[in-house]
Amino acid sequence: MKSPKATEQLPLTFQHVPASGRDDLLISDPLSAAVTVVDAWPNWPSPVVILAGPVGSGKSHLATIWREKAGAVEIHPVKGAGAEEAAAAGPVLFEDVDRRGFDDRSLFHVINNVRQLGHTLLMTTRLWPMSWPVELPDLRSRLKAATVVEIGEPDDELLSQVIVKLFADRQLFVDDRLVSYMVARMERSLDAAQTLVERLDRLALARGSRITRAMAQEVLGDMAEGDGDGLGD
């Protein structure tokens, strides 16, 4: 971890909560199909919908919007976690399926309860269901009947809009040319956009300066190298 320069002052760390409601959602081609499905609830093509996309593609934002809209309960289908009972009571959300894992029979019963009782289940994952380590044939059959919506990597337009929005959440304005400079050089993910904005905000506060291209270059370099704080040499 690099230490701040002598002329810098470390700003106090405040918990920043970005706007994450439906009206704050930025839509471009990679997200449009998933947004359409979320907006269409409860008139879904099937009781089970799976959002599949890479890290930082917007799955969690969409899942949060849907959870609040549907009044859904977050579950983890493993033994003794109450997932089956929750699915019998109303809409349920299971995030990060491929990372958190699940019990085959528990997830099978969750899906059965959702289907039989007229409820809905939203799942998010980086991997398509066919890649999940499912051993129970009946569960694999249920997953084949689910509606899978793919979310692609953010394009330049979406990343630009996200960066502008994240700065606006902090009441900061950044020139369009600087935004284009960052987008052309950053990792293609919404998580990277958030990290970039957070680090630039901290660096500008520490130096008592506006955000400049030189700062963006510095922070992007630190991020590429895996630096922990992005506050420079």
Protein backbone atom coordinates (compact mmCIF):
# COMPACT_ATOMS: atom_id res chain seq x y z
CA MET A 1 0.00 0.00 0.00
CA LYS A 2 1.46 3.34 -1.08
CA SER A 3 1.66 6.21 1.36
CA PRO A 4 0.12 9.59 0.48
CA LYS A 5 2.34 12.44 -0.66
CA ALA A 6 3.33 15.04 1.91
CA THR A 7 1.03 17.62 0.33
CA GLU A 8 -2.00 15.30 0.51
CA GLN A 9 -4.45 14.91 3.35
CA LEU A 10 -6.42 11.72 3.73
CA PRO A 11 -10.14 12.55 3.65
CA LEU A 12 -12.45 11.12 6.25
CA THR A 13 -14.18 8.00 4.97
CA PHE A 14 -17.93 8.46 4.66
CA GLN A 15 -20.31 5.70 3.66
CA HIS A 16 -21.49 6.73 0.20
CA VAL A 17 -24.77 5.18 -0.93
CA PRO A 18 -25.31 5.52 -4.69
CA ALA A 19 -28.79 5.91 -6.11
CA SER A 20 -29.95 2.41 -7.06
CA GLY A 21 -33.66 2.64 -7.78
CA ARG A 22 -35.41 1.88 -11.08
CA ASP A 23 -35.32 5.54 -12.14
CA ASP A 24 -31.54 5.55 -11.63
CA LEU A 25 -30.98 2.52 -13.84
CA LEU A 26 -29.01 3.31 -17.00
CA ILE A 27 -30.09 1.21 -19.95
CA SER A 28 -28.11 0.20 -23.03
CA ASP A 29 -28.15 -2.84 -25.32
CA PRO A 30 -26.32 -5.22 -22.96
CA LEU A 31 -28.96 -4.60 -20.26
CA SER A 32 -32.11 -4.05 -22.29
CA ALA A 33 -33.43 -7.64 -22.31
CA ALA A 34 -32.87 -8.05 -18.56
CA VAL A 35 -34.51 -4.70 -17.80
CA THR A 36 -37.51 -5.69 -19.91
CA VAL A 37 -37.95 -8.90 -17.90
CA VAL A 38 -37.67 -7.11 -14.56
CA ASP A 39 -40.14 -4.45 -15.66
CA ALA A 40 -42.58 -7.12 -16.92
CA TRP A 41 -42.94 -8.79 -13.50
CA PRO A 42 -45.28 -10.41 -12.48
CA ASN A 43 -46.12 -11.21 -16.12
CA TRP A 44 -43.07 -13.38 -16.65
CA PRO A 45 -42.72 -16.02 -19.40
CA SER A 46 -41.96 -18.59 -16.67
CA PRO A 47 -41.99 -18.60 -12.84
CA VAL A 48 -38.19 -18.86 -12.71
CA VAL A 49 -35.93 -16.24 -14.34
CA ILE A 50 -32.15 -16.41 -14.35
CA LEU A 51 -29.97 -13.37 -15.07
CA ALA A 52 -26.59 -14.53 -16.38
CA GLY A 53 -23.70 -12.16 -16.95
CA PRO A 54 -20.11 -11.30 -16.03
CA VAL A 55 -18.99 -9.61 -12.83
CA GLY A 56 -19.96 -5.96 -12.81
CA SER A 57 -22.58 -6.30 -15.55
CA GLY A 58 -25.46 -4.92 -13.48
CA LYS A 59 -27.06 -8.14 -12.19
CA SER A 60 -27.12 -7.02 -8.55
CA HIS A 61 -28.64 -3.63 -9.39
CA LEU A 62 -31.43 -5.32 -11.34
CA ALA A 63 -31.91 -7.92 -8.60
CA THR A 64 -32.26 -5.15 -5.99
CA ILE A 65 -34.83 -3.35 -8.13
CA TRP A 66 -36.81 -6.56 -8.60
CA ARG A 67 -36.58 -7.55 -4.91
CA GLU A 68 -38.03 -4.21 -3.85
CA LYS A 69 -40.68 -4.25 -6.57
CA ALA A 70 -41.80 -7.83 -5.85
CA GLY A 71 -41.32 -7.73 -2.08
CA ALA A 72 -39.09 -10.76 -2.51
CA VAL A 73 -37.13 -12.52 0.22
CA GLU A 74 -33.46 -13.38 -0.32
CA ILE A 75 -32.72 -17.08 0.08
CA HIS A 76 -29.87 -19.57 -0.01
CA PRO A 77 -31.15 -23.05 -0.92
CA VAL A 78 -29.21 -25.21 1.49
CA LYS A 79 -30.46 -27.53 4.21
CA GLY A 80 -31.94 -25.77 7.21
CA ALA A 81 -31.83 -22.25 5.69
CA GLY A 82 -35.60 -21.92 5.29
CA ALA A 83 -35.43 -21.38 1.52
CA GLU A 84 -38.24 -23.83 0.73
CA GLU A 85 -40.58 -22.22 3.26
CA ALA A 86 -39.81 -18.74 1.91
CA ALA A 87 -40.58 -19.91 -1.63
CA ALA A 88 -43.92 -21.26 -0.41
CA ALA A 89 -44.80 -17.85 1.05
CA GLY A 90 -43.98 -15.50 -1.85
CA PRO A 91 -41.38 -14.29 -4.39
CA VAL A 92 -37.77 -15.20 -3.64
CA LEU A 93 -34.32 -14.07 -4.82
CA PHE A 94 -31.19 -16.23 -4.96
CA GLU A 95 -28.10 -14.23 -5.92
CA ASP A 96 -24.64 -15.40 -7.02
CA VAL A 97 -25.75 -18.98 -7.58
CA ASP A 98 -22.50 -20.15 -9.13
CA ARG A 99 -20.36 -18.64 -6.34
CA ARG A 100 -22.47 -19.48 -3.28
CA GLY A 101 -23.51 -22.97 -4.31
CA PHE A 102 -26.69 -24.79 -3.31
CA ASP A 103 -28.16 -28.10 -2.28
CA ASP A 104 -29.78 -29.82 -5.28
CA ARG A 105 -32.85 -31.02 -3.43
CA SER A 106 -33.39 -27.74 -1.64
CA LEU A 107 -33.28 -25.75 -4.88
CA PHE A 108 -35.52 -28.35 -6.54
CA HIS A 109 -38.14 -27.91 -3.81
CA VAL A 110 -37.82 -24.12 -3.99
CA ILE A 111 -38.59 -24.21 -7.70
CA ASN A 112 -41.46 -26.66 -7.17
CA ASN A 113 -43.03 -24.43 -4.51
CA VAL A 114 -42.70 -21.39 -6.76
CA ARG A 115 -44.30 -23.20 -9.70
CA GLN A 116 -47.11 -24.85 -7.75
CA LEU A 117 -48.11 -21.82 -5.67
CA GLY A 118 -47.92 -19.16 -8.35
CA HIS A 119 -44.85 -17.36 -7.00
CA THR A 120 -41.64 -16.28 -8.73
CA LEU A 121 -37.92 -16.90 -8.31
CA LEU A 122 -35.12 -14.69 -9.65
CA MET A 123 -31.57 -16.03 -9.70
CA THR A 124 -28.33 -14.29 -10.71
CA THR A 125 -25.18 -16.03 -11.91
CA ARG A 126 -21.98 -15.55 -13.87
CA LEU A 127 -22.41 -18.97 -15.50
CA TRP A 128 -25.30 -20.38 -17.49
CA PRO A 129 -27.29 -23.08 -15.61
CA MET A 130 -25.93 -25.83 -17.85
CA SER A 131 -22.53 -25.16 -16.22
CA TRP A 132 -23.81 -25.49 -12.65
CA PRO A 133 -22.73 -28.68 -10.80
CA VAL A 134 -26.20 -30.22 -10.77
CA GLU A 135 -26.44 -33.96 -10.10
CA LEU A 136 -30.19 -34.30 -9.54
CA PRO A 137 -31.86 -35.03 -12.92
CA ASP A 138 -35.19 -33.53 -11.80
CA LEU A 139 -33.47 -30.25 -10.88
CA ARG A 140 -31.68 -30.10 -14.22
CA SER A 141 -35.04 -30.57 -15.91
CA ARG A 142 -36.56 -27.71 -13.89
CA LEU A 143 -33.63 -25.43 -14.77
CA LYS A 144 -34.08 -26.15 -18.48
CA ALA A 145 -37.62 -24.78 -18.18
CA ALA A 146 -36.41 -21.49 -16.63
CA THR A 147 -36.12 -18.27 -18.62
CA VAL A 148 -32.43 -17.37 -18.93
CA VAL A 149 -31.58 -13.77 -19.82
CA GLU A 150 -27.99 -12.98 -20.75
CA ILE A 151 -26.41 -9.66 -19.81
CA GLY A 152 -23.41 -8.72 -21.92
CA GLU A 153 -20.35 -6.76 -20.89
CA PRO A 154 -21.02 -3.01 -20.60
CA ASP A 155 -20.41 -1.13 -23.83
CA ASP A 156 -18.72 2.29 -24.08
CA GLU A 157 -22.04 4.10 -23.97
CA LEU A 158 -23.18 2.41 -20.79
CA LEU A 159 -19.81 2.79 -19.04
CA SER A 160 -19.79 6.49 -19.91
CA GLN A 161 -23.30 6.95 -18.55
CA VAL A 162 -22.45 5.03 -15.38
CA ILE A 163 -19.32 7.11 -14.72
CA VAL A 164 -21.23 10.36 -15.22
CA LYS A 165 -23.99 9.11 -12.90
CA LEU A 166 -21.55 8.01 -10.20
CA PHE A 167 -19.83 11.39 -10.25
CA ALA A 168 -23.24 13.10 -10.19
CA ASP A 169 -24.15 11.03 -7.10
CA ARG A 170 -21.17 12.79 -5.49
CA GLN A 171 -22.21 16.18 -6.89
CA LEU A 172 -19.16 16.21 -9.16
CA PHE A 173 -18.93 17.19 -12.82
CA VAL A 174 -16.35 15.65 -15.14
CA ASP A 175 -15.71 16.75 -18.71
CA ASP A 176 -17.00 14.40 -21.43
CA ARG A 177 -13.52 14.13 -22.95
CA LEU A 178 -12.13 12.94 -19.62
CA VAL A 179 -14.93 10.38 -19.33
CA SER A 180 -14.11 9.08 -22.82
CA TYR A 181 -10.41 8.89 -21.85
CA MET A 182 -11.25 6.73 -18.81
CA VAL A 183 -13.68 4.48 -20.66
CA ALA A 184 -11.11 3.72 -23.36
CA ARG A 185 -8.56 2.55 -20.77
CA MET A 186 -10.54 0.87 -17.98
CA GLU A 187 -11.66 -2.67 -17.32
CA ARG A 188 -15.01 -3.41 -18.96
CA SER A 189 -17.18 -3.70 -15.87
CA LEU A 190 -19.54 -1.62 -13.76
CA ASP A 191 -17.58 -2.61 -10.65
CA ALA A 192 -14.44 -1.11 -12.18
CA ALA A 193 -16.35 2.08 -12.98
CA GLN A 194 -17.45 2.41 -9.37
CA THR A 195 -13.94 1.75 -8.05
CA LEU A 196 -12.47 4.29 -10.47
CA VAL A 197 -14.91 7.01 -9.45
CA GLU A 198 -14.46 6.31 -5.73
CA ARG A 199 -10.67 6.49 -6.00
CA LEU A 200 -10.70 9.65 -8.09
CA ASP A 201 -13.07 11.29 -5.63
CA ARG A 202 -10.79 10.38 -2.72
CA LEU A 203 -7.67 11.52 -4.56
CA ALA A 204 -9.21 14.86 -5.51
CA LEU A 205 -10.30 15.41 -1.90
CA ALA A 206 -6.86 14.46 -0.62
CA ARG A 207 -5.14 16.92 -2.96
CA GLY A 208 -7.77 19.64 -2.78
CA SER A 209 -7.98 19.63 -6.55
CA ARG A 210 -10.46 19.07 -9.34
CA ILE A 211 -10.33 15.72 -11.12
CA THR A 212 -7.86 15.86 -14.00
CA ARG A 213 -6.63 13.58 -16.78
CA ALA A 214 -3.34 13.13 -14.94
CA MET A 215 -5.23 11.90 -11.86
CA ALA A 216 -7.29 9.53 -14.01
CA GLN A 217 -4.11 8.15 -15.56
CA GLU A 218 -2.59 7.68 -12.11
CA VAL A 219 -5.62 5.88 -10.69
CA LEU A 220 -6.08 3.70 -13.77
CA GLY A 221 -2.42 2.71 -13.50
CA ASP A 222 -2.83 1.83 -9.82
CA MET A 223 -5.94 -0.23 -10.59
CA ALA A 224 -4.14 -2.10 -13.37
CA GLU A 225 -1.34 -2.92 -10.95
CA GLY A 226 -3.76 -3.97 -8.20
CA ASP A 227 -2.82 -1.12 -5.83
CA GLY A 228 -5.01 -1.01 -2.73
CA ASP A 229 -5.71 2.67 -2.20
CA GLY A 230 -5.18 4.57 -5.45
CA LEU A 231 -3.83 7.65 -3.61
CA GLY A 232 -0.64 7.81 -5.60
CA ASP A 233 3.07 7.70 -4.69
